[in-house]
Structure formats: C-alpha cells, structure tokens
C-alpha atoms as a PDB file:
ATOM      1  CA  MET A   1      93.207 132.837 202.948  1.00  0.00           C
ATOM      2  CA  THR A   2      89.865 132.575 201.087  1.00  0.00           C
ATOM      3  CA  GLN A   3      89.396 133.889 197.194  1.00  0.00           C
ATOM      4  CA  VAL A   4      87.413 136.634 198.443  1.00  0.00           C
ATOM      5  CA  LYS A   5      90.076 137.981 200.719  1.00  0.00           C
ATOM      6  CA  LYS A   6      92.670 137.525 197.997  1.00  0.00           C
ATOM      7  CA  ASN A   7      90.467 139.459 195.414  1.00  0.00           C
ATOM      8  CA  ALA A   8      89.887 142.282 198.174  1.00  0.00           C
ATOM      9  CA  GLN A   9      93.637 142.642 198.489  1.00  0.00           C
ATOM     10  CA  THR A  10      94.326 142.598 194.829  1.00  0.00           C
ATOM     11  CA  PHE A  11      91.733 145.356 194.063  1.00  0.00           C
ATOM     12  CA  SER A  12      92.982 147.034 197.363  1.00  0.00           C
ATOM     13  CA  ARG A  13      96.359 147.309 195.926  1.00  0.00           C
ATOM     14  CA  ARG A  14      95.297 148.257 192.446  1.00  0.00           C
ATOM     15  CA  HIS A  15      93.286 150.982 193.990  1.00  0.00           C
ATOM     16  CA  ALA A  16      96.284 152.368 195.897  1.00  0.00           C
ATOM     17  CA  LEU A  17      98.450 152.313 192.771  1.00  0.00           C
ATOM     18  CA  LYS A  18      95.871 154.197 190.613  1.00  0.00           C
ATOM     19  CA  ALA A  19      95.654 156.698 193.447  1.00  0.00           C
ATOM     20  CA  THR A  20      99.306 157.178 193.762  1.00  0.00           C
ATOM     21  CA  ALA A  21      99.527 157.528 189.892  1.00  0.00           C
ATOM     22  CA  ALA A  22      96.845 160.177 190.053  1.00  0.00           C
ATOM     23  CA  ALA A  23      98.481 162.267 192.683  1.00  0.00           C
ATOM     24  CA  LEU A  24     101.710 162.017 190.923  1.00  0.00           C
ATOM     25  CA  LEU A  25     100.149 163.380 187.607  1.00  0.00           C
ATOM     26  CA  THR A  26      98.463 166.209 189.673  1.00  0.00           C
ATOM     27  CA  THR A  27     101.575 167.131 191.474  1.00  0.00           C
ATOM     28  CA  MET A  28     103.308 167.372 188.082  1.00  0.00           C
ATOM     29  CA  ALA A  29     100.777 169.339 186.456  1.00  0.00           C
ATOM     30  CA  GLY A  30     101.099 172.049 189.044  1.00  0.00           C
ATOM     31  CA  ALA A  31     104.977 171.915 188.960  1.00  0.00           C
ATOM     32  CA  PRO A  32     107.200 174.075 186.355  1.00  0.00           C
ATOM     33  CA  MET A  33     108.278 172.008 183.611  1.00  0.00           C
ATOM     34  CA  LEU A  34     110.833 172.545 180.510  1.00  0.00           C
ATOM     35  CA  VAL A  35     108.923 172.388 177.477  1.00  0.00           C
ATOM     36  CA  CYS A  36     110.536 172.129 174.245  1.00  0.00           C
ATOM     37  CA  ALA A  37     109.715 175.404 172.106  1.00  0.00           C
ATOM     38  CA  GLN A  38     108.167 174.868 168.855  1.00  0.00           C
ATOM     39  CA  THR A  39     108.471 177.015 165.708  1.00  0.00           C
ATOM     40  CA  ALA A  40     105.512 178.327 163.799  1.00  0.00           C
ATOM     41  CA  ASN A  41     105.401 175.539 161.587  1.00  0.00           C
ATOM     42  CA  GLY A  42     105.568 173.083 164.585  1.00  0.00           C
ATOM     43  CA  ALA A  43     109.173 171.682 164.246  1.00  0.00           C
ATOM     44  CA  THR A  44     111.098 171.469 167.322  1.00  0.00           C
ATOM     45  CA  PRO A  45     114.545 173.734 166.709  1.00  0.00           C
ATOM     46  CA  GLN A  46     117.677 171.818 167.349  1.00  0.00           C
ATOM     47  CA  ARG A  47     119.247 175.092 168.217  1.00  0.00           C
ATOM     48  CA  LYS A  48     119.141 176.818 171.607  1.00  0.00           C
ATOM     49  CA  VAL A  49     117.669 180.526 171.037  1.00  0.00           C
ATOM     50  CA  LEU A  50     118.008 183.688 172.984  1.00  0.00           C
ATOM     51  CA  VAL A  51     116.094 186.976 172.060  1.00  0.00           C
ATOM     52  CA  VAL A  52     117.503 189.752 173.953  1.00  0.00           C
ATOM     53  CA  TYR A  53     116.599 193.453 173.622  1.00  0.00           C
ATOM     54  CA  PHE A  54     116.365 196.681 174.634  1.00  0.00           C
ATOM     55  CA  SER A  55     113.298 198.911 174.496  1.00  0.00           C
ATOM     56  CA  LYS A  56     112.393 202.207 175.614  1.00  0.00           C
ATOM     57  CA  THR A  57     108.790 202.947 174.363  1.00  0.00           C
ATOM     58  CA  GLY A  58     107.929 199.324 173.723  1.00  0.00           C
ATOM     59  CA  ASN A  59     108.084 199.235 170.125  1.00  0.00           C
ATOM     60  CA  THR A  60     111.475 196.834 169.943  1.00  0.00           C
ATOM     61  CA  ARG A  61     109.908 194.633 172.652  1.00  0.00           C
ATOM     62  CA  ALA A  62     106.794 194.330 170.305  1.00  0.00           C
ATOM     63  CA  ILE A  63     109.312 192.915 167.755  1.00  0.00           C
ATOM     64  CA  ALA A  64     111.181 190.895 170.104  1.00  0.00           C
ATOM     65  CA  GLN A  65     108.041 189.364 171.335  1.00  0.00           C
ATOM     66  CA  GLU A  66     107.048 188.386 167.777  1.00  0.00           C
ATOM     67  CA  ILE A  67     110.694 186.657 167.135  1.00  0.00           C
ATOM     68  CA  HIS A  68     109.943 184.879 170.438  1.00  0.00           C
ATOM     69  CA  ARG A  69     106.777 183.382 169.429  1.00  0.00           C
ATOM     70  CA  ALA A  70     108.038 182.156 166.092  1.00  0.00           C
ATOM     71  CA  VAL A  71     111.340 180.816 167.172  1.00  0.00           C
ATOM     72  CA  GLY A  72     110.699 179.802 170.650  1.00  0.00           C
ATOM     73  CA  GLY A  73     113.778 179.640 173.048  1.00  0.00           C
ATOM     74  CA  ASP A  74     114.422 182.253 175.835  1.00  0.00           C
ATOM     75  CA  ILE A  75     113.618 186.106 175.722  1.00  0.00           C
ATOM     76  CA  PHE A  76     115.539 188.666 178.126  1.00  0.00           C
ATOM     77  CA  GLU A  77     115.042 192.434 178.401  1.00  0.00           C
ATOM     78  CA  VAL A  78     118.054 194.773 179.141  1.00  0.00           C
ATOM     79  CA  ARG A  79     117.215 197.480 181.761  1.00  0.00           C
ATOM     80  CA  THR A  80     119.231 199.948 183.141  1.00  0.00           C
ATOM     81  CA  VAL A  81     119.577 201.299 186.695  1.00  0.00           C
ATOM     82  CA  GLN A  82     118.666 204.481 185.806  1.00  0.00           C
ATOM     83  CA  ALA A  83     115.404 204.929 183.948  1.00  0.00           C
ATOM     84  CA  TYR A  84     115.359 207.219 181.014  1.00  0.00           C
ATOM     85  CA  PRO A  85     112.876 209.887 181.019  1.00  0.00           C
ATOM     86  CA  GLU A  86     109.568 209.969 179.553  1.00  0.00           C
ATOM     87  CA  ALA A  87     110.122 213.033 177.493  1.00  0.00           C
ATOM     88  CA  TYR A  88     111.339 212.225 174.182  1.00  0.00           C
ATOM     89  CA  ARG A  89     113.599 215.093 173.903  1.00  0.00           C
ATOM     90  CA  ALA A  90     115.317 214.306 177.077  1.00  0.00           C
ATOM     91  CA  THR A  91     116.075 210.706 176.293  1.00  0.00           C
ATOM     92  CA  VAL A  92     117.380 212.038 172.806  1.00  0.00           C
ATOM     93  CA  ASP A  93     119.780 214.189 174.710  1.00  0.00           C
ATOM     94  CA  ILE A  94     120.960 211.613 177.147  1.00  0.00           C
ATOM     95  CA  ALA A  95     121.230 209.148 174.573  1.00  0.00           C
ATOM     96  CA  ARG A  96     123.616 211.606 172.588  1.00  0.00           C
ATOM     97  CA  LYS A  97     125.725 212.473 175.662  1.00  0.00           C
ATOM     98  CA  GLU A  98     126.137 208.478 176.605  1.00  0.00           C
ATOM     99  CA  GLN A  99     127.453 208.010 172.828  1.00  0.00           C
ATOM    100  CA  ASP A 100     129.709 210.842 173.055  1.00  0.00           C
ATOM    101  CA  GLU A 101     131.315 209.747 176.008  1.00  0.00           C
ATOM    102  CA  ASN A 102     131.136 206.141 175.180  1.00  0.00           C
ATOM    103  CA  ALA A 103     129.356 205.296 178.436  1.00  0.00           C
ATOM    104  CA  ARG A 104     128.400 202.031 179.623  1.00  0.00           C
ATOM    105  CA  PRO A 105     125.351 202.534 181.480  1.00  0.00           C
ATOM    106  CA  ALA A 106     124.742 200.257 184.652  1.00  0.00           C
ATOM    107  CA  LEU A 107     122.264 197.547 184.228  1.00  0.00           C
ATOM    108  CA  ALA A 108     119.317 196.498 186.508  1.00  0.00           C
ATOM    109  CA  THR A 109     119.184 193.244 184.568  1.00  0.00           C
ATOM    110  CA  ASP A 110     121.897 191.063 183.151  1.00  0.00           C
ATOM    111  CA  MET A 111     123.059 187.381 182.427  1.00  0.00           C
ATOM    112  CA  ASP A 112     126.326 185.883 183.819  1.00  0.00           C
ATOM    113  CA  SER A 113     126.457 183.613 180.607  1.00  0.00           C
ATOM    114  CA  ILE A 114     125.135 182.911 177.100  1.00  0.00           C
ATOM    115  CA  ALA A 115     127.035 179.971 176.609  1.00  0.00           C
ATOM    116  CA  GLN A 116     124.110 177.694 176.429  1.00  0.00           C
ATOM    117  CA  TYR A 117     122.779 179.645 173.256  1.00  0.00           C
ATOM    118  CA  ASP A 118     123.723 178.816 169.770  1.00  0.00           C
ATOM    119  CA  THR A 119     121.658 181.669 168.064  1.00  0.00           C
ATOM    120  CA  ILE A 120     121.114 184.985 169.715  1.00  0.00           C
ATOM    121  CA  PHE A 121     118.930 187.806 168.277  1.00  0.00           C
ATOM    122  CA  ILE A 122     119.742 191.325 169.432  1.00  0.00           C
ATOM    123  CA  GLY A 123     117.219 193.883 169.089  1.00  0.00           C
ATOM    124  CA  TYR A 124     117.572 197.549 169.670  1.00  0.00           C
ATOM    125  CA  PRO A 125     115.996 201.147 169.002  1.00  0.00           C
ATOM    126  CA  ASN A 126     118.236 203.023 166.448  1.00  0.00           C
ATOM    127  CA  TRP A 127     119.468 205.856 168.902  1.00  0.00           C
ATOM    128  CA  TRP A 128     121.962 208.102 166.933  1.00  0.00           C
ATOM    129  CA  GLY A 129     122.686 205.432 164.318  1.00  0.00           C
ATOM    130  CA  THR A 130     123.418 202.693 166.587  1.00  0.00           C
ATOM    131  CA  LEU A 131     122.424 200.565 169.531  1.00  0.00           C
ATOM    132  CA  PRO A 132     121.707 202.238 172.834  1.00  0.00           C
ATOM    133  CA  MET A 133     124.902 202.142 174.929  1.00  0.00           C
ATOM    134  CA  ALA A 134     123.302 199.948 177.755  1.00  0.00           C
ATOM    135  CA  LEU A 135     123.303 196.789 174.848  1.00  0.00           C
ATOM    136  CA  PHE A 136     127.166 197.608 174.689  1.00  0.00           C
ATOM    137  CA  THR A 137     127.208 197.108 178.611  1.00  0.00           C
ATOM    138  CA  PHE A 138     125.313 193.725 178.415  1.00  0.00           C
ATOM    139  CA  LEU A 139     127.232 192.615 175.064  1.00  0.00           C
ATOM    140  CA  GLU A 140     130.692 193.317 175.990  1.00  0.00           C
ATOM    141  CA  GLY A 141     132.542 190.517 178.160  1.00  0.00           C
ATOM    142  CA  LYS A 142     130.531 187.819 176.959  1.00  0.00           C
ATOM    143  CA  ASP A 143     131.550 185.017 174.775  1.00  0.00           C
ATOM    144  CA  PHE A 144     130.166 184.877 171.292  1.00  0.00           C
ATOM    145  CA  ASN A 145     132.459 182.802 169.527  1.00  0.00           C
ATOM    146  CA  GLY A 146     131.048 179.964 167.353  1.00  0.00           C
ATOM    147  CA  LYS A 147     127.375 181.731 167.769  1.00  0.00           C
ATOM    148  CA  THR A 148     125.035 183.057 165.166  1.00  0.00           C
ATOM    149  CA  VAL A 149     123.933 186.587 166.057  1.00  0.00           C
ATOM    150  CA  VAL A 150     120.716 188.185 164.327  1.00  0.00           C
ATOM    151  CA  PRO A 151     120.045 191.838 164.830  1.00  0.00           C
ATOM    152  CA  PHE A 152     116.787 193.723 164.601  1.00  0.00           C
ATOM    153  CA  CYS A 153     115.826 197.209 165.479  1.00  0.00           C
ATOM    154  CA  THR A 154     113.156 199.708 165.436  1.00  0.00           C
ATOM    155  CA  HIS A 155     113.597 203.124 163.681  1.00  0.00           C
ATOM    156  CA  GLU A 156     111.912 206.150 162.217  1.00  0.00           C
ATOM    157  CA  GLY A 157     113.880 206.379 159.003  1.00  0.00           C
ATOM    158  CA  SER A 158     117.408 205.560 159.760  1.00  0.00           C
ATOM    159  CA  GLY A 159     117.023 201.680 159.368  1.00  0.00           C
ATOM    160  CA  LEU A 160     119.588 199.368 160.875  1.00  0.00           C
ATOM    161  CA  GLY A 161     122.308 202.112 160.958  1.00  0.00           C
ATOM    162  CA  ARG A 162     125.575 200.887 162.253  1.00  0.00           C
ATOM    163  CA  GLY A 163     124.269 198.533 164.291  1.00  0.00           C
ATOM    164  CA  PRO A 164     125.242 195.314 162.585  1.00  0.00           C
ATOM    165  CA  ASN A 165     128.802 196.577 162.257  1.00  0.00           C
ATOM    166  CA  ASP A 166     128.991 197.475 165.769  1.00  0.00           C
ATOM    167  CA  ILE A 167     127.617 194.060 166.725  1.00  0.00           C
ATOM    168  CA  LYS A 168     130.273 192.581 164.502  1.00  0.00           C
ATOM    169  CA  ARG A 169     132.931 194.559 166.546  1.00  0.00           C
ATOM    170  CA  VAL A 170     131.639 193.590 169.833  1.00  0.00           C
ATOM    171  CA  CYS A 171     130.475 190.015 169.336  1.00  0.00           C
ATOM    172  CA  VAL A 172     134.023 188.591 168.204  1.00  0.00           C
ATOM    173  CA  GLY A 173     133.791 185.252 166.676  1.00  0.00           C
ATOM    174  CA  ALA A 174     130.139 185.480 165.723  1.00  0.00           C
ATOM    175  CA  THR A 175     128.459 185.115 162.578  1.00  0.00           C
ATOM    176  CA  VAL A 176     126.098 187.740 162.184  1.00  0.00           C
ATOM    177  CA  LEU A 177     123.040 187.377 159.837  1.00  0.00           C
ATOM    178  CA  ASP A 178     121.222 190.004 158.091  1.00  0.00           C
ATOM    179  CA  GLY A 179     119.237 192.256 160.363  1.00  0.00           C
ATOM    180  CA  LEU A 180     115.524 193.419 160.197  1.00  0.00           C
ATOM    181  CA  ALA A 181     114.734 196.891 160.554  1.00  0.00           C
ATOM    182  CA  ILE A 182     110.940 198.137 161.369  1.00  0.00           C
ATOM    183  CA  ARG A 183     109.615 201.654 161.602  1.00  0.00           C
ATOM    184  CA  GLY A 184     108.283 201.901 165.397  1.00  0.00           C
ATOM    185  CA  SER A 185     105.037 203.229 164.181  1.00  0.00           C
ATOM    186  CA  ARG A 186     104.429 199.807 162.684  1.00  0.00           C
ATOM    187  CA  ALA A 187     105.850 197.588 165.162  1.00  0.00           C
ATOM    188  CA  SER A 188     102.365 196.487 166.550  1.00  0.00           C
ATOM    189  CA  ARG A 189     101.357 195.184 162.932  1.00  0.00           C
ATOM    190  CA  ALA A 190     104.793 193.696 161.727  1.00  0.00           C
ATOM    191  CA  GLN A 191     104.000 190.058 162.132  1.00  0.00           C
ATOM    192  CA  GLU A 192     104.147 189.215 158.274  1.00  0.00           C
ATOM    193  CA  ASP A 193     107.471 191.200 157.947  1.00  0.00           C
ATOM    194  CA  VAL A 194     108.994 189.262 161.075  1.00  0.00           C
ATOM    195  CA  THR A 195     107.954 185.835 159.588  1.00  0.00           C
ATOM    196  CA  ASP A 196     109.177 186.668 156.070  1.00  0.00           C
ATOM    197  CA  TRP A 197     112.516 187.681 157.391  1.00  0.00           C
ATOM    198  CA  LEU A 198     113.127 184.694 159.773  1.00  0.00           C
ATOM    199  CA  LYS A 199     112.007 182.342 156.914  1.00  0.00           C
ATOM    200  CA  ALA A 200     114.370 183.922 154.359  1.00  0.00           C
ATOM    201  CA  LEU A 201     117.144 183.436 157.057  1.00  0.00           C
ATOM    202  CA  LYS A 202     115.983 179.738 157.082  1.00  0.00           C
ATOM    203  CA  LEU A 203     115.438 180.148 161.005  1.00  0.00           C
ATOM    204  CA  ILE A 204     111.752 179.034 160.927  1.00  0.00           C
END
C-alpha cells in the first residue's frame, strides 16, 4: 500500500469518527436529560427537594414556583377530580362543608411515593384556618419519617393558621420547619420574602 493510500485511509477514519461524535452530540442535545438543580447562589444542593402545593386562584402557585426557582428539585400541583367553582362564595361554602365532614376529595393528580425526597415543601391557601382537605388526601398514607417538611401558605389575614400543626399531625416522623405566610394579594411580588425566609432556614 502506498503512503498516499495510507494517509487517505487515516483521514477517512478520522473523518468518520468526527462525524459519529457530532451525530451523538446532536442526538443527546435533543434528548431529555437529568440536570442537577442549582440554588440561587449557584450551589448544587445535596438534598432531593419536592415542592408540592394546592392552588385555587394561582396565588399559592406563584409562591411555589418562586420557591422552586430558588431551591430547584421537583414541583407538583395537587388537583382535584371535581374542580371548585369560579365564584369565591361558592368555593368558601364547599371548603367549609368538606372540613365539617372531614372529607377527602378525590385527586386528579397524585404521587405513589415520596421516598426519593429529603425535603418537602407543602403549600396551601388558608381555607377555614388550615389546609384544603385535598391536601390531606395527598399527605395521608405517605411515609414522612425522617424527612424535613416546610409549610408555606397564602392568606388574606389569617396567616398559617392551624396548617403547621395539622401537617405535624399528618406527617408523622417528619421535622417541620418554620413556615412562610404571604398575603394572596402580594403573591406575585413576594420574591424577596421567599428568599429571606429560605436563607433564614439555611435552605439556600
């Protein structure tokens, strides 16, 4: 074999390898990837975090999303099979009836297990002094032993209410940290409050 042919074959092999590598990178770029979440200060958290919440008007969702942006991890919205009415008064009446009956509304979305998470944020609108009953449906039956639970809520004057105590009662074996209460009317402007709270808890 001549030197020219050897050089040509060497070039051909190199070209093929480069083409294969480029194709692989292109495929990986279009495929879903597991990315380590980063906190606001750029540090990769060692804990596995879940932000779970129920939101009727979107206020609690806004706080949940802000927490998720700061701490990373996964976020999950609890939704009921039967949607609540648009009218405020009608929703209030149903929420009171559910609480009086200690109801457990059927969920349209749920999680089989929370075993993979170390820290779980639980967000709720304060309905009649505590969590909506749909969140009790979600929380009951799950194993919180050894986990860190962090409550947060939106309200219009009643703060966290009985929510933290009810969470302690249901989430047996969990360490429950100090919660955050934000007025619903301020939910879209609460970034600083959320950041200060997370820093105080040393979660970012």
